[in-house]
């Protein structure tokens, strides 16, 4: 009996794709409590990298 596992591939992380609208930034700042734009970007990219590690084979 063969195992049919779904194999997902994800594009590599690309920081240049980070682009929050002012509405999205306001939402994320309220959600995280992080007001500094650079710190918020770092936080979001860090969470994204962690998510990639969990979902990568």
Protein backbone atom coordinates (compact mmCIF):
# COMPACT_ATOMS: atom_id res chain seq x y z
CA UNK A 1 0.00 0.00 0.00
CA UNK A 2 1.54 3.33 -1.02
CA UNK A 3 1.31 6.48 1.02
CA UNK A 4 -0.04 9.44 -0.91
CA UNK A 5 1.29 12.47 0.91
CA UNK A 6 0.61 15.91 -0.41
CA UNK A 7 3.94 17.60 -1.08
CA UNK A 8 3.75 21.36 -1.05
CA UNK A 9 6.39 23.66 -2.38
CA UNK A 10 6.64 27.25 -1.35
CA UNK A 11 8.52 30.06 -3.05
CA UNK A 12 11.63 31.19 -1.20
CA UNK A 13 11.20 33.93 1.35
CA UNK A 14 11.73 37.27 -0.32
CA UNK A 15 11.91 40.34 1.90
CA UNK A 16 11.40 42.58 -1.15
CA UNK A 17 7.81 41.30 -1.34
CA UNK A 18 7.01 42.91 2.02
CA UNK A 19 4.56 45.69 1.28
CA UNK A 20 1.90 46.63 3.82
CA UNK A 21 -0.80 49.14 2.98
CA UNK A 22 -1.34 51.86 5.56
CA UNK A 23 -4.53 50.04 6.63
CA UNK A 24 -2.69 46.73 7.03
CA UNK A 25 0.12 48.42 8.94
CA UNK A 26 -2.35 50.09 11.31
CA UNK A 27 -4.09 46.74 11.89
CA UNK A 28 -0.83 44.89 12.55
CA UNK A 29 0.42 47.65 14.87
CA UNK A 30 -2.79 47.45 16.88
CA UNK A 31 -2.66 43.66 16.93
CA UNK A 32 0.99 43.39 17.97
CA UNK A 33 1.47 46.58 19.96
CA UNK A 34 4.55 47.32 17.84
CA UNK A 35 4.48 50.95 16.66
CA UNK A 36 7.91 51.20 15.00
CA UNK A 37 7.69 50.38 11.27
CA UNK A 38 11.11 48.70 11.12
CA UNK A 39 10.41 46.64 14.24
CA UNK A 40 7.01 45.61 12.86
CA UNK A 41 8.57 44.53 9.57
CA UNK A 42 11.22 42.51 11.42
CA UNK A 43 8.52 40.86 13.56
CA UNK A 44 6.34 39.93 10.58
CA UNK A 45 9.27 38.53 8.59
CA UNK A 46 10.46 36.57 11.64
CA UNK A 47 7.02 34.98 12.10
CA UNK A 48 6.90 34.19 8.38
CA UNK A 49 10.31 32.49 8.55
CA UNK A 50 9.16 30.41 11.54
CA UNK A 51 6.03 29.38 9.66
CA UNK A 52 8.15 28.28 6.70
CA UNK A 53 10.24 26.08 8.99
CA UNK A 54 7.10 24.37 10.29
CA UNK A 55 5.65 23.75 6.84
CA UNK A 56 8.85 22.83 5.00
CA UNK A 57 9.60 19.15 4.48
